[in-house]
Amino acid sequence: VKMRPPKETQGFTVGQSKVLEKYGVTIIGVKSPGMYFVYADADTRISPNDLIIASGHSELLERFAARP
């Protein structure tokens, strides 16, 4: 799923946000405005204007995407 990051992930790295542990969703990549897509790792920082690529079971992705 390509989506805007929920507020609770903004300003944090993928590792700090603990998305996998909390929601069962994996952030695969991040695209910042004007930059190329990069594969995400634990040290990839997520900004409010980024697009993220997330993977997981459809129900878990829907729950994660519904976060403000």
PDB file of N, CA and C in Angstrom:
ATOM      1  N   VAL A   1       0.842  -1.172   0.000  1.00  0.00           N
ATOM      2  CA  VAL A   1       0.000   0.000   0.000  1.00  0.00           C
ATOM      3  C   VAL A   1       0.889   1.238   0.000  1.00  0.00           C
ATOM      4  N   LYS A   2       0.564   2.199  -0.854  1.00  0.00           N
ATOM      5  CA  LYS A   2       1.243   3.493  -0.856  1.00  0.00           C
ATOM      6  C   LYS A   2       0.355   4.462  -0.087  1.00  0.00           C
ATOM      7  N   MET A   3       0.933   5.143   0.915  1.00  0.00           N
ATOM      8  CA  MET A   3       0.118   6.000   1.777  1.00  0.00           C
ATOM      9  C   MET A   3       0.960   7.084   2.433  1.00  0.00           C
ATOM     10  N   ARG A   4       0.296   8.073   2.998  1.00  0.00           N
ATOM     11  CA  ARG A   4       0.959   9.075   3.825  1.00  0.00           C
ATOM     12  C   ARG A   4       1.190   8.450   5.203  1.00  0.00           C
ATOM     13  N   PRO A   5       2.271   8.809   5.870  1.00  0.00           N
ATOM     14  CA  PRO A   5       2.543   8.192   7.171  1.00  0.00           C
ATOM     15  C   PRO A   5       1.629   8.732   8.267  1.00  0.00           C
ATOM     16  N   PRO A   6       1.134   7.858   9.140  1.00  0.00           N
ATOM     17  CA  PRO A   6       0.366   8.323  10.293  1.00  0.00           C
ATOM     18  C   PRO A   6       1.224   9.240  11.169  1.00  0.00           C
ATOM     19  N   LYS A   7       0.591  10.158  11.879  1.00  0.00           N
ATOM     20  CA  LYS A   7       1.327  11.143  12.692  1.00  0.00           C
ATOM     21  C   LYS A   7       2.271  10.506  13.692  1.00  0.00           C
ATOM     22  N   GLU A   8       1.887   9.368  14.251  1.00  0.00           N
ATOM     23  CA  GLU A   8       2.734   8.750  15.267  1.00  0.00           C
ATOM     24  C   GLU A   8       4.062   8.220  14.716  1.00  0.00           C
ATOM     25  N   THR A   9       4.196   8.137  13.395  1.00  0.00           N
ATOM     26  CA  THR A   9       5.453   7.686  12.793  1.00  0.00           C
ATOM     27  C   THR A   9       6.306   8.857  12.309  1.00  0.00           C
ATOM     28  N   GLN A  10       5.710  10.021  12.155  1.00  0.00           N
ATOM     29  CA  GLN A  10       6.402  11.177  11.571  1.00  0.00           C
ATOM     30  C   GLN A  10       7.480  11.704  12.522  1.00  0.00           C
ATOM     31  N   GLY A  11       8.659  11.903  11.965  1.00  0.00           N
ATOM     32  CA  GLY A  11       9.785  12.395  12.750  1.00  0.00           C
ATOM     33  C   GLY A  11      10.587  11.298  13.420  1.00  0.00           C
ATOM     34  N   PHE A  12      10.143  10.062  13.272  1.00  0.00           N
ATOM     35  CA  PHE A  12      10.834   8.927  13.876  1.00  0.00           C
ATOM     36  C   PHE A  12      11.404   8.032  12.788  1.00  0.00           C
ATOM     37  N   THR A  13      12.348   7.190  13.163  1.00  0.00           N
ATOM     38  CA  THR A  13      12.843   6.191  12.227  1.00  0.00           C
ATOM     39  C   THR A  13      11.861   5.019  12.222  1.00  0.00           C
ATOM     40  N   VAL A  14      12.003   4.168  11.227  1.00  0.00           N
ATOM     41  CA  VAL A  14      11.155   2.973  11.148  1.00  0.00           C
ATOM     42  C   VAL A  14      11.325   2.142  12.418  1.00  0.00           C
ATOM     43  N   GLY A  15      12.551   1.998  12.870  1.00  0.00           N
ATOM     44  CA  GLY A  15      12.813   1.228  14.085  1.00  0.00           C
ATOM     45  C   GLY A  15      12.191   1.844  15.322  1.00  0.00           C
ATOM     46  N   GLN A  16      12.276   3.159  15.460  1.00  0.00           N
ATOM     47  CA  GLN A  16      11.710   3.837  16.619  1.00  0.00           C
ATOM     48  C   GLN A  16      10.188   3.766  16.644  1.00  0.00           C
ATOM     49  N   SER A  17       9.569   3.792  15.475  1.00  0.00           N
ATOM     50  CA  SER A  17       8.102   3.809  15.415  1.00  0.00           C
ATOM     51  C   SER A  17       7.477   2.462  15.766  1.00  0.00           C
ATOM     52  N   LYS A  18       8.251   1.367  15.650  1.00  0.00           N
ATOM     53  CA  LYS A  18       7.796   0.018  16.019  1.00  0.00           C
ATOM     54  C   LYS A  18       6.482  -0.374  15.336  1.00  0.00           C
ATOM     55  N   VAL A  19       6.351   0.000  14.073  1.00  0.00           N
ATOM     56  CA  VAL A  19       5.134  -0.287  13.310  1.00  0.00           C
ATOM     57  C   VAL A  19       4.877  -1.788  13.211  1.00  0.00           C
ATOM     58  N   LEU A  20       5.904  -2.563  12.969  1.00  0.00           N
ATOM     59  CA  LEU A  20       5.727  -4.013  12.853  1.00  0.00           C
ATOM     60  C   LEU A  20       5.202  -4.602  14.161  1.00  0.00           C
ATOM     61  N   GLU A  21       5.785  -4.201  15.270  1.00  0.00           N
ATOM     62  CA  GLU A  21       5.364  -4.730  16.568  1.00  0.00           C
ATOM     63  C   GLU A  21       3.950  -4.278  16.941  1.00  0.00           C
ATOM     64  N   LYS A  22       3.622  -3.019  16.658  1.00  0.00           N
ATOM     65  CA  LYS A  22       2.316  -2.465  17.049  1.00  0.00           C
ATOM     66  C   LYS A  22       1.185  -2.869  16.114  1.00  0.00           C
ATOM     67  N   TYR A  23       1.461  -2.910  14.803  1.00  0.00           N
ATOM     68  CA  TYR A  23       0.395  -3.074  13.818  1.00  0.00           C
ATOM     69  C   TYR A  23       0.539  -4.294  12.916  1.00  0.00           C
ATOM     70  N   GLY A  24       1.670  -4.983  12.977  1.00  0.00           N
ATOM     71  CA  GLY A  24       1.876  -6.142  12.114  1.00  0.00           C
ATOM     72  C   GLY A  24       2.093  -5.772  10.661  1.00  0.00           C
ATOM     73  N   VAL A  25       2.557  -4.543  10.433  1.00  0.00           N
ATOM     74  CA  VAL A  25       2.761  -4.004   9.090  1.00  0.00           C
ATOM     75  C   VAL A  25       4.240  -3.694   8.923  1.00  0.00           C
ATOM     76  N   THR A  26       4.775  -3.944   7.748  1.00  0.00           N
ATOM     77  CA  THR A  26       6.172  -3.653   7.457  1.00  0.00           C
ATOM     78  C   THR A  26       6.266  -2.462   6.512  1.00  0.00           C
ATOM     79  N   ILE A  27       7.064  -1.468   6.886  1.00  0.00           N
ATOM     80  CA  ILE A  27       7.332  -0.342   5.986  1.00  0.00           C
ATOM     81  C   ILE A  27       8.491  -0.751   5.097  1.00  0.00           C
ATOM     82  N   ILE A  28       8.200  -0.885   3.815  1.00  0.00           N
ATOM     83  CA  ILE A  28       9.178  -1.377   2.843  1.00  0.00           C
ATOM     84  C   ILE A  28      10.004  -0.245   2.249  1.00  0.00           C
ATOM     85  N   GLY A  29       9.372   0.893   2.017  1.00  0.00           N
ATOM     86  CA  GLY A  29      10.082   1.990   1.367  1.00  0.00           C
ATOM     87  C   GLY A  29       9.505   3.335   1.723  1.00  0.00           C
ATOM     88  N   VAL A  30      10.300   4.363   1.426  1.00  0.00           N
ATOM     89  CA  VAL A  30       9.921   5.748   1.695  1.00  0.00           C
ATOM     90  C   VAL A  30      10.309   6.589   0.493  1.00  0.00           C
ATOM     91  N   LYS A  31       9.407   7.497   0.108  1.00  0.00           N
ATOM     92  CA  LYS A  31       9.710   8.450  -0.955  1.00  0.00           C
ATOM     93  C   LYS A  31       9.450   9.846  -0.413  1.00  0.00           C
ATOM     94  N   SER A  32      10.526  10.618  -0.294  1.00  0.00           N
ATOM     95  CA  SER A  32      10.422  12.006   0.125  1.00  0.00           C
ATOM     96  C   SER A  32      10.202  12.877  -1.101  1.00  0.00           C
ATOM     97  N   PRO A  33       9.508  14.025  -0.950  1.00  0.00           N
ATOM     98  CA  PRO A  33       9.271  14.912  -2.093  1.00  0.00           C
ATOM     99  C   PRO A  33      10.585  15.302  -2.780  1.00  0.00           C
ATOM    100  N   GLY A  34      10.622  15.182  -4.090  1.00  0.00           N
ATOM    101  CA  GLY A  34      11.793  15.556  -4.869  1.00  0.00           C
ATOM    102  C   GLY A  34      12.949  14.573  -4.805  1.00  0.00           C
ATOM    103  N   MET A  35      12.755  13.462  -4.128  1.00  0.00           N
ATOM    104  CA  MET A  35      13.811  12.462  -3.974  1.00  0.00           C
ATOM    105  C   MET A  35      13.351  11.150  -4.606  1.00  0.00           C
ATOM    106  N   TYR A  36      14.288  10.231  -4.758  1.00  0.00           N
ATOM    107  CA  TYR A  36      13.973   8.913  -5.264  1.00  0.00           C
ATOM    108  C   TYR A  36      13.437   8.034  -4.138  1.00  0.00           C
ATOM    109  N   PHE A  37      12.690   7.012  -4.516  1.00  0.00           N
ATOM    110  CA  PHE A  37      12.239   5.986  -3.581  1.00  0.00           C
ATOM    111  C   PHE A  37      13.459   5.290  -2.994  1.00  0.00           C
ATOM    112  N   VAL A  38      13.430   5.021  -1.680  1.00  0.00           N
ATOM    113  CA  VAL A  38      14.499   4.246  -1.042  1.00  0.00           C
ATOM    114  C   VAL A  38      13.870   3.097  -0.254  1.00  0.00           C
ATOM    115  N   TYR A  39      14.526   1.973  -0.265  1.00  0.00           N
ATOM    116  CA  TYR A  39      14.089   0.868   0.576  1.00  0.00           C
ATOM    117  C   TYR A  39      14.331   1.242   2.023  1.00  0.00           C
ATOM    118  N   ALA A  40      13.362   0.975   2.874  1.00  0.00           N
ATOM    119  CA  ALA A  40      13.447   1.367   4.272  1.00  0.00           C
ATOM    120  C   ALA A  40      14.204   0.322   5.086  1.00  0.00           C
ATOM    121  N   ASP A  41      14.950   0.815   6.056  1.00  0.00           N
ATOM    122  CA  ASP A  41      15.536  -0.050   7.072  1.00  0.00           C
ATOM    123  C   ASP A  41      15.231   0.596   8.427  1.00  0.00           C
ATOM    124  N   ALA A  42      15.736   0.043   9.487  1.00  0.00           N
ATOM    125  CA  ALA A  42      15.406   0.532  10.825  1.00  0.00           C
ATOM    126  C   ALA A  42      15.826   1.988  11.044  1.00  0.00           C
ATOM    127  N   ASP A  43      16.823   2.475  10.287  1.00  0.00           N
ATOM    128  CA  ASP A  43      17.324   3.834  10.471  1.00  0.00           C
ATOM    129  C   ASP A  43      16.688   4.857   9.524  1.00  0.00           C
ATOM    130  N   THR A  44      15.753   4.441   8.694  1.00  0.00           N
ATOM    131  CA  THR A  44      15.105   5.346   7.751  1.00  0.00           C
ATOM    132  C   THR A  44      14.119   6.236   8.505  1.00  0.00           C
ATOM    133  N   ARG A  45      14.333   7.553   8.433  1.00  0.00           N
ATOM    134  CA  ARG A  45      13.464   8.515   9.114  1.00  0.00           C
ATOM    135  C   ARG A  45      12.263   8.838   8.233  1.00  0.00           C
ATOM    136  N   ILE A  46      11.094   8.940   8.868  1.00  0.00           N
ATOM    137  CA  ILE A  46       9.844   9.227   8.169  1.00  0.00           C
ATOM    138  C   ILE A  46       9.430  10.662   8.462  1.00  0.00           C
ATOM    139  N   SER A  47       9.219  11.431   7.397  1.00  0.00           N
ATOM    140  CA  SER A  47       8.802  12.825   7.521  1.00  0.00           C
ATOM    141  C   SER A  47       7.323  12.970   7.169  1.00  0.00           C
ATOM    142  N   PRO A  48       6.684  14.052   7.626  1.00  0.00           N
ATOM    143  CA  PRO A  48       5.244  14.231   7.367  1.00  0.00           C
ATOM    144  C   PRO A  48       4.857  14.255   5.892  1.00  0.00           C
ATOM    145  N   ASN A  49       5.730  14.741   5.015  1.00  0.00           N
ATOM    146  CA  ASN A  49       5.402  14.860   3.592  1.00  0.00           C
ATOM    147  C   ASN A  49       5.798  13.646   2.770  1.00  0.00           C
ATOM    148  N   ASP A  50       6.337  12.621   3.407  1.00  0.00           N
ATOM    149  CA  ASP A  50       6.762  11.421   2.705  1.00  0.00           C
ATOM    150  C   ASP A  50       5.571  10.582   2.264  1.00  0.00           C
ATOM    151  N   LEU A  51       5.818   9.734   1.294  1.00  0.00           N
ATOM    152  CA  LEU A  51       4.930   8.630   0.968  1.00  0.00           C
ATOM    153  C   LEU A  51       5.640   7.378   1.448  1.00  0.00           C
ATOM    154  N   ILE A  52       4.903   6.483   2.087  1.00  0.00           N
ATOM    155  CA  ILE A  52       5.511   5.228   2.514  1.00  0.00           C
ATOM    156  C   ILE A  52       4.854   4.080   1.755  1.00  0.00           C
ATOM    157  N   ILE A  53       5.625   3.033   1.591  1.00  0.00           N
ATOM    158  CA  ILE A  53       5.126   1.799   1.005  1.00  0.00           C
ATOM    159  C   ILE A  53       5.094   0.789   2.150  1.00  0.00           C
ATOM    160  N   ALA A  54       3.896   0.286   2.446  1.00  0.00           N
ATOM    161  CA  ALA A  54       3.736  -0.649   3.562  1.00  0.00           C
ATOM    162  C   ALA A  54       3.192  -1.971   3.042  1.00  0.00           C
ATOM    163  N   SER A  55       3.565  -3.045   3.722  1.00  0.00           N
ATOM    164  CA  SER A  55       3.145  -4.385   3.329  1.00  0.00           C
ATOM    165  C   SER A  55       2.613  -5.118   4.551  1.00  0.00           C
ATOM    166  N   GLY A  56       1.639  -5.977   4.297  1.00  0.00           N
ATOM    167  CA  GLY A  56       1.076  -6.786   5.372  1.00  0.00           C
ATOM    168  C   GLY A  56      -0.284  -7.307   4.977  1.00  0.00           C
ATOM    169  N   HIS A  57      -0.928  -7.978   5.906  1.00  0.00           N
ATOM    170  CA  HIS A  57      -2.276  -8.497   5.685  1.00  0.00           C
ATOM    171  C   HIS A  57      -3.221  -7.316   5.467  1.00  0.00           C
ATOM    172  N   SER A  58      -4.172  -7.461   4.570  1.00  0.00           N
ATOM    173  CA  SER A  58      -5.042  -6.347   4.185  1.00  0.00           C
ATOM    174  C   SER A  58      -5.782  -5.724   5.367  1.00  0.00           C
ATOM    175  N   GLU A  59      -6.253  -6.528   6.306  1.00  0.00           N
ATOM    176  CA  GLU A  59      -6.956  -5.979   7.470  1.00  0.00           C
ATOM    177  C   GLU A  59      -6.026  -5.143   8.337  1.00  0.00           C
ATOM    178  N   LEU A  60      -4.787  -5.611   8.505  1.00  0.00           N
ATOM    179  CA  LEU A  60      -3.817  -4.865   9.302  1.00  0.00           C
ATOM    180  C   LEU A  60      -3.422  -3.567   8.603  1.00  0.00           C
ATOM    181  N   LEU A  61      -3.269  -3.626   7.292  1.00  0.00           N
ATOM    182  CA  LEU A  61      -2.938  -2.422   6.528  1.00  0.00           C
ATOM    183  C   LEU A  61      -4.068  -1.389   6.617  1.00  0.00           C
ATOM    184  N   GLU A  62      -5.305  -1.848   6.535  1.00  0.00           N
ATOM    185  CA  GLU A  62      -6.433  -0.928   6.649  1.00  0.00           C
ATOM    186  C   GLU A  62      -6.464  -0.249   8.009  1.00  0.00           C
ATOM    187  N   ARG A  63      -6.198  -1.006   9.067  1.00  0.00           N
ATOM    188  CA  ARG A  63      -6.174  -0.448  10.421  1.00  0.00           C
ATOM    189  C   ARG A  63      -5.043   0.561  10.554  1.00  0.00           C
ATOM    190  N   PHE A  64      -3.878   0.222  10.022  1.00  0.00           N
ATOM    191  CA  PHE A  64      -2.737   1.133  10.089  1.00  0.00           C
ATOM    192  C   PHE A  64      -3.003   2.400   9.268  1.00  0.00           C
ATOM    193  N   ALA A  65      -3.561   2.255   8.085  1.00  0.00           N
ATOM    194  CA  ALA A  65      -3.843   3.403   7.212  1.00  0.00           C
ATOM    195  C   ALA A  65      -4.910   4.319   7.801  1.00  0.00           C
ATOM    196  N   ALA A  66      -5.767   3.814   8.666  1.00  0.00           N
ATOM    197  CA  ALA A  66      -6.826   4.615   9.270  1.00  0.00           C
ATOM    198  C   ALA A  66      -6.319   5.489  10.422  1.00  0.00           C
ATOM    199  N   ARG A  67      -5.062   5.279  10.841  1.00  0.00           N
ATOM    200  CA  ARG A  67      -4.486   6.103  11.912  1.00  0.00           C
ATOM    201  C   ARG A  67      -4.391   7.548  11.432  1.00  0.00           C
ATOM    202  N   PRO A  68      -4.669   8.499  12.327  1.00  0.00           N
ATOM    203  CA  PRO A  68      -4.563   9.923  11.913  1.00  0.00           C
ATOM    204  C   PRO A  68      -3.143  10.340  11.631  1.00  0.00           C
TER     205      PRO A  68
END
